[in-house]
Amino acid sequence: MRIQAQTGVNINKQPSFGMAKLTQKGEELAKRYISQDLQQFISQKPYQNRNMLARLLRRNPNTDTIQNLFSYGMTKFGDKNVQFVNMQLTPLTGRLRIKSYLSKESKKALNGAFTQGNGTTIDALTEEGKSLVNSILALFDANIANPQMSKKKGLRVLDMIKNYMDSDQHIKRAAILSDKIYSKK
């Protein structure tokens, strides 16, 4: 009779970390590593810095810069999109800077229209102001079905720009959040 002994073979196929448990963030990173999305997930640095948008708006950015920054809030990662909203749009500094920037751009557009005097229709915003409003709308639309975006945050984002958009567009979007269609609190 012949006996074979194998040592060092783990019969249990489950990975064992002893007493350690993964945090929520660690679990998400592990899932992304398995699905090969880890590098794209980690490379999105603007989520880590608070109020980057407020600092950007102080420097009078062009339309491409604004759209580039907002592209980080319209990714396929719902948690990162919400983190972008939390770090850039909903802090008091970000909201105040957006409102003051849009007010300044509106005054620029009105002064430019009055000095032209050619009878053209008056635009409420300059191109940069329109780019900011359109980027916020695109971010809102991209995250309307995001389960991690709360109703309160969605309404706060929408209310920042309600003076610079058509009332029917605002009413449609606000109705989705405040109606029974959207059940998250």
N, C-alpha and C. Protein backbone atom coordinates (compact mmCIF):
# COMPACT_ATOMS: atom_id res chain seq x y z
N MET A 1 0.83 -1.17 0.00
CA MET A 1 0.00 0.00 0.00
C MET A 1 0.88 1.24 0.00
N ARG A 2 0.51 2.15 -0.87
CA ARG A 2 1.28 3.37 -1.04
C ARG A 2 0.48 4.57 -0.56
N ILE A 3 1.06 5.42 0.26
CA ILE A 3 0.38 6.60 0.79
C ILE A 3 1.06 7.84 0.24
N GLN A 4 0.24 8.72 -0.30
CA GLN A 4 0.76 10.00 -0.79
C GLN A 4 0.30 11.10 0.16
N ALA A 5 1.20 11.92 0.54
CA ALA A 5 0.86 13.05 1.42
C ALA A 5 1.19 14.35 0.69
N GLN A 6 0.27 15.22 0.69
CA GLN A 6 0.49 16.54 0.09
C GLN A 6 0.45 17.57 1.21
N THR A 7 1.45 18.38 1.24
CA THR A 7 1.48 19.43 2.25
C THR A 7 1.35 20.79 1.58
N GLY A 8 0.79 21.70 2.32
CA GLY A 8 0.67 23.07 1.80
C GLY A 8 -0.45 23.25 0.80
N VAL A 9 -1.34 22.31 0.66
CA VAL A 9 -2.45 22.45 -0.28
C VAL A 9 -3.65 22.99 0.49
N ASN A 10 -4.18 24.06 0.01
CA ASN A 10 -5.35 24.66 0.65
C ASN A 10 -6.60 24.04 0.05
N ILE A 11 -7.33 23.30 0.86
CA ILE A 11 -8.54 22.65 0.39
C ILE A 11 -9.65 23.67 0.20
N ASN A 12 -9.67 24.67 1.05
CA ASN A 12 -10.69 25.71 0.97
C ASN A 12 -10.35 26.67 -0.17
N LYS A 13 -11.25 26.86 -1.09
CA LYS A 13 -11.00 27.73 -2.25
C LYS A 13 -11.27 29.20 -1.95
N GLN A 14 -11.87 29.52 -0.80
CA GLN A 14 -12.16 30.90 -0.41
C GLN A 14 -10.88 31.56 0.10
N PRO A 15 -10.60 32.78 -0.34
CA PRO A 15 -9.42 33.47 0.21
C PRO A 15 -9.66 33.78 1.68
N SER A 16 -8.63 33.63 2.46
CA SER A 16 -8.76 33.86 3.89
C SER A 16 -7.83 34.97 4.31
N PHE A 17 -8.37 35.95 4.99
CA PHE A 17 -7.56 37.05 5.50
C PHE A 17 -7.53 37.02 7.02
N GLY A 18 -7.75 35.92 7.60
CA GLY A 18 -7.77 35.83 9.04
C GLY A 18 -8.99 36.52 9.60
N MET A 19 -8.80 37.42 10.53
CA MET A 19 -9.91 38.13 11.16
C MET A 19 -10.26 39.42 10.42
N ALA A 20 -9.51 39.80 9.42
CA ALA A 20 -9.73 41.09 8.75
C ALA A 20 -10.96 41.03 7.85
N LYS A 21 -11.65 42.14 7.77
CA LYS A 21 -12.78 42.29 6.85
C LYS A 21 -12.50 43.49 5.96
N LEU A 22 -12.97 43.41 4.74
CA LEU A 22 -12.82 44.54 3.83
C LEU A 22 -13.81 45.63 4.19
N THR A 23 -13.37 46.87 4.08
CA THR A 23 -14.30 47.99 4.24
C THR A 23 -15.13 48.09 2.97
N GLN A 24 -16.11 48.99 2.97
CA GLN A 24 -16.95 49.19 1.79
C GLN A 24 -16.10 49.62 0.60
N LYS A 25 -15.18 50.55 0.85
CA LYS A 25 -14.30 51.03 -0.22
C LYS A 25 -13.39 49.91 -0.72
N GLY A 26 -12.86 49.11 0.21
CA GLY A 26 -12.00 48.00 -0.17
C GLY A 26 -12.74 46.96 -0.99
N GLU A 27 -13.99 46.72 -0.62
CA GLU A 27 -14.80 45.77 -1.39
C GLU A 27 -15.06 46.28 -2.80
N GLU A 28 -15.35 47.58 -2.93
CA GLU A 28 -15.57 48.15 -4.26
C GLU A 28 -14.30 48.08 -5.09
N LEU A 29 -13.15 48.38 -4.47
CA LEU A 29 -11.89 48.31 -5.21
C LEU A 29 -11.58 46.88 -5.64
N ALA A 30 -11.87 45.92 -4.79
CA ALA A 30 -11.64 44.52 -5.14
C ALA A 30 -12.52 44.11 -6.32
N LYS A 31 -13.78 44.53 -6.30
CA LYS A 31 -14.67 44.21 -7.42
C LYS A 31 -14.19 44.87 -8.71
N ARG A 32 -13.72 46.10 -8.61
CA ARG A 32 -13.23 46.78 -9.82
C ARG A 32 -11.94 46.16 -10.33
N TYR A 33 -11.11 45.69 -9.42
CA TYR A 33 -9.88 45.03 -9.83
C TYR A 33 -10.20 43.76 -10.60
N ILE A 34 -11.18 43.04 -10.13
CA ILE A 34 -11.59 41.82 -10.82
C ILE A 34 -12.15 42.13 -12.19
N SER A 35 -12.90 43.25 -12.29
CA SER A 35 -13.51 43.60 -13.58
C SER A 35 -12.60 44.47 -14.45
N GLN A 36 -11.34 44.65 -14.03
CA GLN A 36 -10.34 45.39 -14.80
C GLN A 36 -10.66 46.88 -14.96
N ASP A 37 -11.48 47.46 -14.10
CA ASP A 37 -11.78 48.88 -14.17
C ASP A 37 -11.00 49.67 -13.13
N LEU A 38 -10.08 49.04 -12.45
CA LEU A 38 -9.39 49.68 -11.33
C LEU A 38 -8.59 50.90 -11.78
N GLN A 39 -7.87 50.81 -12.87
CA GLN A 39 -7.03 51.93 -13.29
C GLN A 39 -7.88 53.15 -13.64
N GLN A 40 -8.97 52.92 -14.34
CA GLN A 40 -9.86 54.03 -14.68
C GLN A 40 -10.49 54.62 -13.42
N PHE A 41 -10.79 53.77 -12.45
CA PHE A 41 -11.37 54.22 -11.19
C PHE A 41 -10.38 55.07 -10.40
N ILE A 42 -9.14 54.65 -10.34
CA ILE A 42 -8.13 55.37 -9.56
C ILE A 42 -7.67 56.64 -10.26
N SER A 43 -7.68 56.67 -11.57
CA SER A 43 -7.13 57.81 -12.30
C SER A 43 -8.02 59.05 -12.26
N GLN A 44 -9.15 58.98 -11.62
CA GLN A 44 -10.05 60.12 -11.57
C GLN A 44 -9.75 60.95 -10.33
N LYS A 45 -8.69 61.74 -10.37
CA LYS A 45 -8.20 62.50 -9.22
C LYS A 45 -9.09 63.65 -8.78
N PRO A 46 -9.80 64.36 -9.62
CA PRO A 46 -10.54 65.53 -9.14
C PRO A 46 -11.55 65.23 -8.05
N TYR A 47 -11.89 63.97 -7.85
CA TYR A 47 -12.83 63.67 -6.78
C TYR A 47 -12.19 63.88 -5.42
N GLN A 48 -10.90 63.78 -5.35
CA GLN A 48 -10.22 63.85 -4.07
C GLN A 48 -10.05 65.28 -3.56
N ASN A 49 -10.07 66.27 -4.44
CA ASN A 49 -9.85 67.66 -4.06
C ASN A 49 -11.18 68.40 -4.00
N ARG A 50 -11.45 68.96 -2.85
CA ARG A 50 -12.71 69.69 -2.64
C ARG A 50 -12.61 71.08 -3.26
N ASN A 51 -13.71 71.54 -3.86
CA ASN A 51 -13.87 72.89 -4.40
C ASN A 51 -12.91 73.22 -5.55
N MET A 52 -12.55 72.24 -6.35
CA MET A 52 -11.74 72.53 -7.53
C MET A 52 -12.52 73.39 -8.52
N LEU A 53 -13.82 73.16 -8.62
CA LEU A 53 -14.65 73.95 -9.53
C LEU A 53 -14.66 75.41 -9.10
N ALA A 54 -14.76 75.67 -7.81
CA ALA A 54 -14.77 77.05 -7.31
C ALA A 54 -13.46 77.75 -7.66
N ARG A 55 -12.34 77.06 -7.49
CA ARG A 55 -11.04 77.66 -7.85
C ARG A 55 -10.92 77.86 -9.35
N LEU A 56 -11.47 76.95 -10.12
CA LEU A 56 -11.43 77.07 -11.57
C LEU A 56 -12.25 78.27 -12.05
N LEU A 57 -13.40 78.47 -11.46
CA LEU A 57 -14.27 79.58 -11.88
C LEU A 57 -13.69 80.94 -11.52
N ARG A 58 -12.82 81.02 -10.53
CA ARG A 58 -12.15 82.29 -10.20
C ARG A 58 -11.22 82.74 -11.32
N ARG A 59 -10.71 81.78 -12.09
CA ARG A 59 -9.73 82.09 -13.13
C ARG A 59 -10.35 82.30 -14.51
N ASN A 60 -11.67 82.44 -14.58
CA ASN A 60 -12.38 82.65 -15.87
C ASN A 60 -11.99 81.60 -16.91
N PRO A 61 -12.46 80.38 -16.73
CA PRO A 61 -12.08 79.29 -17.63
C PRO A 61 -12.79 79.39 -18.99
N ASN A 62 -12.24 78.66 -19.95
CA ASN A 62 -12.91 78.57 -21.25
C ASN A 62 -13.88 77.38 -21.24
N THR A 63 -14.65 77.24 -22.29
CA THR A 63 -15.70 76.22 -22.32
C THR A 63 -15.13 74.81 -22.28
N ASP A 64 -13.99 74.58 -22.92
CA ASP A 64 -13.40 73.24 -22.93
C ASP A 64 -12.95 72.80 -21.54
N THR A 65 -12.41 73.73 -20.77
CA THR A 65 -11.96 73.41 -19.42
C THR A 65 -13.13 73.04 -18.53
N ILE A 66 -14.22 73.77 -18.66
CA ILE A 66 -15.42 73.49 -17.86
C ILE A 66 -15.97 72.11 -18.22
N GLN A 67 -16.09 71.84 -19.51
CA GLN A 67 -16.62 70.55 -19.94
C GLN A 67 -15.70 69.40 -19.54
N ASN A 68 -14.39 69.63 -19.57
CA ASN A 68 -13.43 68.60 -19.14
C ASN A 68 -13.62 68.25 -17.68
N LEU A 69 -13.77 69.24 -16.82
CA LEU A 69 -13.94 68.97 -15.40
C LEU A 69 -15.25 68.22 -15.14
N PHE A 70 -16.32 68.62 -15.81
CA PHE A 70 -17.60 67.98 -15.57
C PHE A 70 -17.67 66.57 -16.14
N SER A 71 -16.77 66.22 -17.04
CA SER A 71 -16.76 64.85 -17.56
C SER A 71 -16.44 63.85 -16.45
N TYR A 72 -15.76 64.29 -15.39
CA TYR A 72 -15.46 63.40 -14.27
C TYR A 72 -16.70 63.06 -13.46
N GLY A 73 -17.77 63.83 -13.60
CA GLY A 73 -19.01 63.54 -12.89
C GLY A 73 -20.01 62.77 -13.72
N MET A 74 -19.62 62.40 -14.94
CA MET A 74 -20.53 61.68 -15.83
C MET A 74 -19.91 60.37 -16.28
N THR A 75 -19.28 59.66 -15.37
CA THR A 75 -18.65 58.39 -15.70
C THR A 75 -19.64 57.25 -15.48
N LYS A 76 -19.16 56.03 -15.70
CA LYS A 76 -20.03 54.88 -15.47
C LYS A 76 -20.03 54.44 -14.02
N PHE A 77 -19.23 55.10 -13.18
CA PHE A 77 -19.17 54.78 -11.75
C PHE A 77 -20.10 55.72 -10.99
N GLY A 78 -21.22 55.20 -10.53
CA GLY A 78 -22.20 56.02 -9.83
C GLY A 78 -21.68 56.60 -8.53
N ASP A 79 -20.87 55.85 -7.81
CA ASP A 79 -20.35 56.37 -6.54
C ASP A 79 -19.37 57.51 -6.76
N LYS A 80 -18.58 57.44 -7.81
CA LYS A 80 -17.65 58.52 -8.11
C LYS A 80 -18.40 59.76 -8.61
N ASN A 81 -19.47 59.57 -9.34
CA ASN A 81 -20.27 60.71 -9.79
C ASN A 81 -20.87 61.45 -8.61
N VAL A 82 -21.36 60.71 -7.64
CA VAL A 82 -21.92 61.34 -6.43
C VAL A 82 -20.81 62.02 -5.64
N GLN A 83 -19.64 61.40 -5.62
CA GLN A 83 -18.51 62.03 -4.93
C GLN A 83 -18.13 63.33 -5.61
N PHE A 84 -18.20 63.39 -6.93
CA PHE A 84 -17.93 64.63 -7.66
C PHE A 84 -18.94 65.70 -7.25
N VAL A 85 -20.20 65.34 -7.19
CA VAL A 85 -21.24 66.30 -6.78
C VAL A 85 -20.98 66.77 -5.35
N ASN A 86 -20.63 65.84 -4.46
CA ASN A 86 -20.37 66.20 -3.07
C ASN A 86 -19.16 67.10 -2.91
N MET A 87 -18.14 66.89 -3.71
CA MET A 87 -16.89 67.64 -3.55
C MET A 87 -16.87 68.95 -4.34
N GLN A 88 -17.64 69.03 -5.43
CA GLN A 88 -17.54 70.20 -6.30
C GLN A 88 -18.79 71.09 -6.30
N LEU A 89 -19.97 70.49 -6.31
CA LEU A 89 -21.19 71.27 -6.51
C LEU A 89 -21.95 71.60 -5.23
N THR A 90 -22.08 70.67 -4.33
CA THR A 90 -22.95 70.91 -3.18
C THR A 90 -22.30 71.61 -1.98
N PRO A 91 -20.96 71.70 -1.84
CA PRO A 91 -20.44 72.51 -0.73
C PRO A 91 -20.84 73.97 -0.90
N LEU A 92 -20.96 74.68 0.20
CA LEU A 92 -21.40 76.07 0.17
C LEU A 92 -20.49 76.92 -0.71
N THR A 93 -19.18 76.70 -0.63
CA THR A 93 -18.24 77.46 -1.45
C THR A 93 -18.50 77.24 -2.93
N GLY A 94 -18.73 76.00 -3.32
CA GLY A 94 -18.99 75.69 -4.73
C GLY A 94 -20.29 76.31 -5.21
N ARG A 95 -21.35 76.21 -4.41
CA ARG A 95 -22.63 76.76 -4.81
C ARG A 95 -22.57 78.28 -4.95
N LEU A 96 -21.93 78.94 -3.99
CA LEU A 96 -21.82 80.40 -4.05
C LEU A 96 -20.97 80.84 -5.23
N ARG A 97 -19.90 80.11 -5.50
CA ARG A 97 -19.02 80.48 -6.63
C ARG A 97 -19.74 80.29 -7.95
N ILE A 98 -20.52 79.23 -8.08
CA ILE A 98 -21.28 79.01 -9.32
C ILE A 98 -22.29 80.12 -9.52
N LYS A 99 -23.02 80.46 -8.48
CA LYS A 99 -24.03 81.52 -8.59
C LYS A 99 -23.40 82.87 -8.92
N SER A 100 -22.29 83.21 -8.26
CA SER A 100 -21.65 84.49 -8.55
C SER A 100 -21.04 84.51 -9.95
N TYR A 101 -20.48 83.37 -10.38
CA TYR A 101 -19.91 83.30 -11.73
C TYR A 101 -21.00 83.47 -12.78
N LEU A 102 -22.14 82.81 -12.60
CA LEU A 102 -23.22 82.94 -13.56
C LEU A 102 -23.79 84.35 -13.56
N SER A 103 -23.86 84.99 -12.41
CA SER A 103 -24.34 86.37 -12.33
C SER A 103 -23.39 87.31 -13.07
N LYS A 104 -22.10 87.10 -12.89
CA LYS A 104 -21.09 87.91 -13.58
C LYS A 104 -21.17 87.70 -15.10
N GLU A 105 -21.32 86.46 -15.52
CA GLU A 105 -21.40 86.16 -16.95
C GLU A 105 -22.69 86.74 -17.56
N SER A 106 -23.75 86.75 -16.78
CA SER A 106 -25.01 87.33 -17.24
C SER A 106 -24.87 88.84 -17.44
N LYS A 107 -24.21 89.50 -16.51
CA LYS A 107 -23.98 90.94 -16.64
C LYS A 107 -23.10 91.25 -17.84
N LYS A 108 -22.08 90.43 -18.06
CA LYS A 108 -21.22 90.60 -19.24
C LYS A 108 -22.04 90.50 -20.52
N ALA A 109 -22.90 89.50 -20.58
CA ALA A 109 -23.72 89.29 -21.78
C ALA A 109 -24.68 90.45 -22.00
N LEU A 110 -25.29 90.93 -20.94
CA LEU A 110 -26.23 92.05 -21.07
C LEU A 110 -25.51 93.32 -21.48
N ASN A 111 -24.35 93.59 -20.91
CA ASN A 111 -23.58 94.79 -21.30
C ASN A 111 -23.13 94.71 -22.75
N GLY A 112 -22.71 93.52 -23.17
CA GLY A 112 -22.29 93.34 -24.56
C GLY A 112 -23.46 93.53 -25.52
N ALA A 113 -24.64 93.11 -25.13
CA ALA A 113 -25.81 93.23 -26.00
C ALA A 113 -26.25 94.69 -26.11
N PHE A 114 -26.15 95.44 -25.01
CA PHE A 114 -26.57 96.84 -25.06
C PHE A 114 -25.56 97.69 -25.82
N THR A 115 -24.29 97.36 -25.76
CA THR A 115 -23.30 98.15 -26.48
C THR A 115 -23.35 97.87 -27.97
N GLN A 116 -23.82 96.70 -28.37
CA GLN A 116 -23.93 96.40 -29.80
C GLN A 116 -24.99 97.27 -30.45
N GLY A 117 -26.16 97.35 -29.85
CA GLY A 117 -27.23 98.19 -30.36
C GLY A 117 -27.73 97.82 -31.74
N ASN A 118 -27.57 96.60 -32.17
CA ASN A 118 -28.00 96.22 -33.51
C ASN A 118 -29.36 95.55 -33.52
N GLY A 119 -30.05 95.55 -32.39
CA GLY A 119 -31.40 95.01 -32.34
C GLY A 119 -31.47 93.51 -32.28
N THR A 120 -30.38 92.84 -31.97
CA THR A 120 -30.41 91.38 -31.86
C THR A 120 -31.00 90.99 -30.51
N THR A 121 -31.39 89.73 -30.40
CA THR A 121 -31.93 89.25 -29.13
C THR A 121 -30.83 89.19 -28.09
N ILE A 122 -31.18 89.45 -26.87
CA ILE A 122 -30.21 89.49 -25.78
C ILE A 122 -30.05 88.09 -25.21
N ASP A 123 -28.82 87.61 -25.21
CA ASP A 123 -28.51 86.33 -24.58
C ASP A 123 -28.34 86.57 -23.09
N ALA A 124 -28.83 85.66 -22.29
CA ALA A 124 -28.74 85.82 -20.84
C ALA A 124 -27.33 85.51 -20.32
N LEU A 125 -26.55 84.75 -21.06
CA LEU A 125 -25.22 84.34 -20.61
C LEU A 125 -24.22 84.40 -21.75
N THR A 126 -22.95 84.52 -21.38
CA THR A 126 -21.88 84.40 -22.36
C THR A 126 -21.70 82.92 -22.70
N GLU A 127 -20.79 82.64 -23.61
CA GLU A 127 -20.54 81.24 -24.00
C GLU A 127 -20.03 80.41 -22.82
N GLU A 128 -19.17 81.00 -22.00
CA GLU A 128 -18.65 80.27 -20.84
C GLU A 128 -19.76 79.99 -19.83
N GLY A 129 -20.64 80.96 -19.63
CA GLY A 129 -21.77 80.76 -18.71
C GLY A 129 -22.71 79.69 -19.22
N LYS A 130 -22.98 79.72 -20.52
CA LYS A 130 -23.84 78.69 -21.12
C LYS A 130 -23.19 77.32 -20.99
N SER A 131 -21.87 77.27 -21.16
CA SER A 131 -21.16 76.00 -21.04
C SER A 131 -21.29 75.44 -19.63
N LEU A 132 -21.21 76.31 -18.62
CA LEU A 132 -21.35 75.85 -17.23
C LEU A 132 -22.76 75.34 -16.98
N VAL A 133 -23.77 76.07 -17.43
CA VAL A 133 -25.15 75.65 -17.23
C VAL A 133 -25.41 74.32 -17.95
N ASN A 134 -24.95 74.22 -19.20
CA ASN A 134 -25.16 72.98 -19.96
C ASN A 134 -24.41 71.80 -19.34
N SER A 135 -23.23 72.05 -18.78
CA SER A 135 -22.47 70.98 -18.13
C SER A 135 -23.18 70.50 -16.87
N ILE A 136 -23.74 71.43 -16.10
CA ILE A 136 -24.47 71.03 -14.89
C ILE A 136 -25.73 70.26 -15.28
N LEU A 137 -26.41 70.69 -16.34
CA LEU A 137 -27.59 69.96 -16.82
C LEU A 137 -27.22 68.56 -17.30
N ALA A 138 -26.12 68.46 -18.03
CA ALA A 138 -25.68 67.15 -18.52
C ALA A 138 -25.31 66.24 -17.35
N LEU A 139 -24.66 66.79 -16.33
CA LEU A 139 -24.33 66.01 -15.14
C LEU A 139 -25.60 65.55 -14.44
N PHE A 140 -26.57 66.43 -14.32
CA PHE A 140 -27.84 66.07 -13.69
C PHE A 140 -28.53 64.96 -14.47
N ASP A 141 -28.61 65.12 -15.79
CA ASP A 141 -29.27 64.12 -16.63
C ASP A 141 -28.54 62.78 -16.60
N ALA A 142 -27.20 62.81 -16.54
CA ALA A 142 -26.44 61.56 -16.52
C ALA A 142 -26.62 60.81 -15.21
N ASN A 143 -26.95 61.51 -14.14
CA ASN A 143 -27.07 60.88 -12.83
C ASN A 143 -28.50 60.80 -12.33
N ILE A 144 -29.47 61.02 -13.17
CA ILE A 144 -30.87 60.99 -12.74
C ILE A 144 -31.27 59.59 -12.27
N ALA A 145 -30.70 58.56 -12.84
CA ALA A 145 -31.04 57.19 -12.46
C ALA A 145 -30.01 56.60 -11.50
N ASN A 146 -29.10 57.41 -11.01
CA ASN A 146 -28.07 56.94 -10.09
C ASN A 146 -28.70 56.67 -8.73
N PRO A 147 -28.67 55.44 -8.26
CA PRO A 147 -29.31 55.14 -6.97
C PRO A 147 -28.61 55.78 -5.78
N GLN A 148 -27.37 56.22 -5.94
CA GLN A 148 -26.64 56.83 -4.84
C GLN A 148 -26.84 58.34 -4.76
N MET A 149 -27.48 58.91 -5.78
CA MET A 149 -27.75 60.36 -5.78
C MET A 149 -29.11 60.58 -5.14
N SER A 150 -29.13 61.32 -4.05
CA SER A 150 -30.38 61.53 -3.34
C SER A 150 -31.23 62.62 -4.01
N LYS A 151 -32.49 62.62 -3.67
CA LYS A 151 -33.42 63.60 -4.19
C LYS A 151 -32.99 65.01 -3.79
N LYS A 152 -32.55 65.15 -2.57
CA LYS A 152 -32.15 66.46 -2.04
C LYS A 152 -30.94 67.01 -2.81
N LYS A 153 -29.96 66.16 -3.09
CA LYS A 153 -28.78 66.60 -3.84
C LYS A 153 -29.15 66.96 -5.27
N GLY A 154 -30.03 66.16 -5.87
CA GLY A 154 -30.46 66.44 -7.23
C GLY A 154 -31.18 67.77 -7.33
N LEU A 155 -32.06 68.05 -6.40
CA LEU A 155 -32.77 69.33 -6.40
C LEU A 155 -31.83 70.49 -6.13
N ARG A 156 -30.85 70.29 -5.27
CA ARG A 156 -29.88 71.35 -4.98
C ARG A 156 -29.06 71.69 -6.22
N VAL A 157 -28.65 70.67 -6.96
CA VAL A 157 -27.89 70.90 -8.19
C VAL A 157 -28.75 71.63 -9.22
N LEU A 158 -30.00 71.24 -9.32
CA LEU A 158 -30.90 71.84 -10.30
C LEU A 158 -31.26 73.28 -9.93
N ASP A 159 -31.41 73.55 -8.64
CA ASP A 159 -31.80 74.89 -8.21
C ASP A 159 -30.70 75.92 -8.38
N MET A 160 -29.45 75.49 -8.48
CA MET A 160 -28.35 76.43 -8.70
C MET A 160 -28.48 77.16 -10.03
N ILE A 161 -29.05 76.48 -11.02
CA ILE A 161 -29.07 77.05 -12.37
C ILE A 161 -30.47 77.33 -12.88
N LYS A 162 -31.47 77.28 -12.01
CA LYS A 162 -32.85 77.41 -12.49
C LYS A 162 -33.13 78.78 -13.10
N ASN A 163 -32.40 79.82 -12.71
CA ASN A 163 -32.62 81.15 -13.28
C ASN A 163 -32.05 81.28 -14.69
N TYR A 164 -31.22 80.35 -15.09
CA TYR A 164 -30.55 80.44 -16.38
C TYR A 164 -30.98 79.37 -17.37
N MET A 165 -32.10 78.73 -17.09
CA MET A 165 -32.62 77.72 -18.01
C MET A 165 -34.10 77.96 -18.23
N ASP A 166 -34.64 77.38 -19.29
CA ASP A 166 -36.07 77.53 -19.59
C ASP A 166 -36.88 76.93 -18.45
N SER A 167 -38.00 77.58 -18.16
CA SER A 167 -38.82 77.10 -17.04
C SER A 167 -39.40 75.72 -17.30
N ASP A 168 -39.73 75.41 -18.57
CA ASP A 168 -40.28 74.08 -18.85
C ASP A 168 -39.23 72.98 -18.65
N GLN A 169 -37.95 73.27 -18.95
CA GLN A 169 -36.89 72.30 -18.69
C GLN A 169 -36.72 72.07 -17.19
N HIS A 170 -36.77 73.15 -16.43
CA HIS A 170 -36.62 73.03 -14.98
C HIS A 170 -37.80 72.28 -14.37
N ILE A 171 -38.99 72.58 -14.81
CA ILE A 171 -40.19 71.94 -14.27
C ILE A 171 -40.18 70.44 -14.54
N LYS A 172 -39.79 70.05 -15.75
CA LYS A 172 -39.74 68.62 -16.09
C LYS A 172 -38.76 67.87 -15.20
N ARG A 173 -37.57 68.44 -15.02
CA ARG A 173 -36.56 67.76 -14.23
C ARG A 173 -36.91 67.75 -12.74
N ALA A 174 -37.45 68.85 -12.25
CA ALA A 174 -37.84 68.91 -10.84
C ALA A 174 -39.01 67.98 -10.56
N ALA A 175 -39.90 67.81 -11.54
CA ALA A 175 -41.04 66.92 -11.35
C ALA A 175 -40.60 65.47 -11.21
N ILE A 176 -39.57 65.11 -11.91
CA ILE A 176 -39.06 63.74 -11.79
C ILE A 176 -38.57 63.49 -10.37
N LEU A 177 -37.91 64.48 -9.78
CA LEU A 177 -37.38 64.30 -8.43
C LEU A 177 -38.45 64.42 -7.35
N SER A 178 -39.39 65.32 -7.53
CA SER A 178 -40.35 65.56 -6.46
C SER A 178 -41.62 64.73 -6.59
N ASP A 179 -41.79 64.06 -7.71
CA ASP A 179 -42.98 63.24 -7.92
C ASP A 179 -42.76 61.85 -7.34
N LYS A 180 -43.75 61.03 -7.46
CA LYS A 180 -43.67 59.65 -6.96
C LYS A 180 -42.82 58.76 -7.88
N ILE A 181 -42.38 59.30 -9.01
CA ILE A 181 -41.56 58.52 -9.94
C ILE A 181 -40.22 58.17 -9.27
N TYR A 182 -39.68 59.10 -8.51
CA TYR A 182 -38.38 58.93 -7.89
C TYR A 182 -38.59 58.69 -6.41
N SER A 183 -38.28 57.51 -5.92
CA SER A 183 -38.67 57.14 -4.57
C SER A 183 -37.55 57.32 -3.54
N LYS A 184 -36.34 57.60 -3.95
CA LYS A 184 -35.25 57.74 -2.98
C LYS A 184 -35.40 59.04 -2.20
N LYS A 185 -35.14 59.02 -0.91
CA LYS A 185 -35.31 60.19 -0.05
C LYS A 185 -34.21 61.19 -0.19
